[in-house]
Amino acid sequence: MNKQELIDKVAKKAGISKKDTQAVIDTITEAIMETVKKGDKVTLVGFGSFSSVKRAARNGRNPQTGKTIKIPARKAPKFSAGISFKEKVK
């Protein structure tokens, strides 16, 4: 499912316009990204948690040449599914 399909499905289930649904989804995703970027955690009970993790600098290998390269430290987004979500996927 892509974003447009999600908007269509949510709009139909909620009985609101696709334009309003898109605005809500855009606002939610933006709020989650801003919060995680600041280093805070977003928890949607039953659905899951969004957070950021620190990845240490490490050595890697260029698959084409085989040469060793340095991969710098960085922060990466992380999602952990909630119990209800995991149960529905089973």
C-alpha atoms as a PDB file:
ATOM      1  CA  MET A   1       0.000   0.000   0.000  1.00  0.00           C
ATOM      2  CA  ASN A   2       1.362   3.393  -0.928  1.00  0.00           C
ATOM      3  CA  LYS A   3       0.502   6.762   0.610  1.00  0.00           C
ATOM      4  CA  GLN A   4      -2.353   7.525  -1.804  1.00  0.00           C
ATOM      5  CA  GLU A   5      -3.962   4.139  -1.177  1.00  0.00           C
ATOM      6  CA  LEU A   6      -3.694   4.777   2.572  1.00  0.00           C
ATOM      7  CA  ILE A   7      -5.337   8.186   2.168  1.00  0.00           C
ATOM      8  CA  ASP A   8      -8.175   6.643   0.135  1.00  0.00           C
ATOM      9  CA  LYS A   9      -8.774   3.891   2.699  1.00  0.00           C
ATOM     10  CA  VAL A  10      -8.680   6.211   5.730  1.00  0.00           C
ATOM     11  CA  ALA A  11     -10.938   8.785   4.047  1.00  0.00           C
ATOM     12  CA  LYS A  12     -13.491   6.104   3.221  1.00  0.00           C
ATOM     13  CA  LYS A  13     -13.441   4.564   6.722  1.00  0.00           C
ATOM     14  CA  ALA A  14     -13.561   7.932   8.516  1.00  0.00           C
ATOM     15  CA  GLY A  15     -16.099   9.474   6.160  1.00  0.00           C
ATOM     16  CA  ILE A  16     -14.032  12.597   5.516  1.00  0.00           C
ATOM     17  CA  SER A  17     -12.608  14.119   2.365  1.00  0.00           C
ATOM     18  CA  LYS A  18      -9.382  12.854   0.830  1.00  0.00           C
ATOM     19  CA  LYS A  19      -7.936  16.368   1.066  1.00  0.00           C
ATOM     20  CA  ASP A  20      -8.579  16.529   4.827  1.00  0.00           C
ATOM     21  CA  THR A  21      -7.249  12.996   5.273  1.00  0.00           C
ATOM     22  CA  GLN A  22      -4.047  13.850   3.424  1.00  0.00           C
ATOM     23  CA  ALA A  23      -3.552  16.930   5.606  1.00  0.00           C
ATOM     24  CA  VAL A  24      -3.979  14.841   8.764  1.00  0.00           C
ATOM     25  CA  ILE A  25      -1.601  12.092   7.604  1.00  0.00           C
ATOM     26  CA  ASP A  26       1.003  14.656   6.500  1.00  0.00           C
ATOM     27  CA  THR A  27       0.725  16.434   9.865  1.00  0.00           C
ATOM     28  CA  ILE A  28       1.069  13.185  11.831  1.00  0.00           C
ATOM     29  CA  THR A  29       4.118  11.992   9.899  1.00  0.00           C
ATOM     30  CA  GLU A  30       5.776  15.413  10.143  1.00  0.00           C
ATOM     31  CA  ALA A  31       5.168  15.562  13.904  1.00  0.00           C
ATOM     32  CA  ILE A  32       6.627  12.069  14.356  1.00  0.00           C
ATOM     33  CA  MET A  33       9.720  12.925  12.275  1.00  0.00           C
ATOM     34  CA  GLU A  34      10.323  16.214  14.133  1.00  0.00           C
ATOM     35  CA  THR A  35       9.992  14.531  17.527  1.00  0.00           C
ATOM     36  CA  VAL A  36      12.320  11.644  16.649  1.00  0.00           C
ATOM     37  CA  LYS A  37      14.822  14.084  15.135  1.00  0.00           C
ATOM     38  CA  LYS A  38      14.998  15.880  18.501  1.00  0.00           C
ATOM     39  CA  GLY A  39      15.868  12.563  20.127  1.00  0.00           C
ATOM     40  CA  ASP A  40      12.490  11.976  21.770  1.00  0.00           C
ATOM     41  CA  LYS A  41      10.337   8.868  21.454  1.00  0.00           C
ATOM     42  CA  VAL A  42       6.794   8.710  20.020  1.00  0.00           C
ATOM     43  CA  THR A  43       4.617   5.882  21.354  1.00  0.00           C
ATOM     44  CA  LEU A  44       1.255   4.983  19.852  1.00  0.00           C
ATOM     45  CA  VAL A  45      -0.126   2.420  22.303  1.00  0.00           C
ATOM     46  CA  GLY A  46      -0.972  -0.825  20.537  1.00  0.00           C
ATOM     47  CA  PHE A  47       0.608   0.298  17.265  1.00  0.00           C
ATOM     48  CA  GLY A  48       4.271   0.878  18.101  1.00  0.00           C
ATOM     49  CA  SER A  49       7.059   3.262  19.003  1.00  0.00           C
ATOM     50  CA  PHE A  50       9.234   5.514  16.891  1.00  0.00           C
ATOM     51  CA  SER A  51      12.663   6.493  18.201  1.00  0.00           C
ATOM     52  CA  SER A  52      16.209   7.172  17.066  1.00  0.00           C
ATOM     53  CA  VAL A  53      19.296   5.088  17.730  1.00  0.00           C
ATOM     54  CA  LYS A  54      22.955   6.047  17.562  1.00  0.00           C
ATOM     55  CA  ARG A  55      25.055   3.998  15.192  1.00  0.00           C
ATOM     56  CA  ALA A  56      28.763   3.963  15.964  1.00  0.00           C
ATOM     57  CA  ALA A  57      31.414   4.663  13.360  1.00  0.00           C
ATOM     58  CA  ARG A  58      32.670   1.467  11.798  1.00  0.00           C
ATOM     59  CA  ASN A  59      34.682   0.053   8.947  1.00  0.00           C
ATOM     60  CA  GLY A  60      32.921  -1.338   5.916  1.00  0.00           C
ATOM     61  CA  ARG A  61      33.862  -2.754   2.570  1.00  0.00           C
ATOM     62  CA  ASN A  62      33.137  -1.417  -0.904  1.00  0.00           C
ATOM     63  CA  PRO A  63      31.504  -4.417  -2.616  1.00  0.00           C
ATOM     64  CA  GLN A  64      32.812  -3.454  -6.065  1.00  0.00           C
ATOM     65  CA  THR A  65      36.455  -2.920  -5.197  1.00  0.00           C
ATOM     66  CA  GLY A  66      36.803  -4.753  -1.885  1.00  0.00           C
ATOM     67  CA  LYS A  67      38.536  -1.723  -0.353  1.00  0.00           C
ATOM     68  CA  THR A  68      37.933  -0.890   3.304  1.00  0.00           C
ATOM     69  CA  ILE A  69      35.996   2.335   3.875  1.00  0.00           C
ATOM     70  CA  LYS A  70      35.121   4.280   7.024  1.00  0.00           C
ATOM     71  CA  ILE A  71      31.408   4.596   7.753  1.00  0.00           C
ATOM     72  CA  PRO A  72      30.794   7.624   9.994  1.00  0.00           C
ATOM     73  CA  ALA A  73      28.678   7.571  13.166  1.00  0.00           C
ATOM     74  CA  ARG A  74      25.085   8.694  12.694  1.00  0.00           C
ATOM     75  CA  LYS A  75      21.596   8.605  14.124  1.00  0.00           C
ATOM     76  CA  ALA A  76      19.027   6.345  12.474  1.00  0.00           C
ATOM     77  CA  PRO A  77      15.243   6.063  12.897  1.00  0.00           C
ATOM     78  CA  LYS A  78      13.839   2.954  14.578  1.00  0.00           C
ATOM     79  CA  PHE A  79      10.320   1.502  14.750  1.00  0.00           C
ATOM     80  CA  SER A  80       9.229  -1.131  17.253  1.00  0.00           C
ATOM     81  CA  ALA A  81       5.829  -2.713  16.663  1.00  0.00           C
ATOM     82  CA  GLY A  82       3.401  -2.803  19.578  1.00  0.00           C
ATOM     83  CA  ILE A  83       1.792  -5.959  20.942  1.00  0.00           C
ATOM     84  CA  SER A  84      -1.575  -5.402  19.232  1.00  0.00           C
ATOM     85  CA  PHE A  85       0.159  -4.795  15.901  1.00  0.00           C
ATOM     86  CA  LYS A  86       2.241  -7.959  16.284  1.00  0.00           C
ATOM     87  CA  GLU A  87      -0.853  -9.986  17.152  1.00  0.00           C
ATOM     88  CA  LYS A  88      -2.743  -8.798  14.035  1.00  0.00           C
ATOM     89  CA  VAL A  89       0.177  -9.717  11.776  1.00  0.00           C
ATOM     90  CA  LYS A  90       0.441 -13.295  13.092  1.00  0.00           C
END
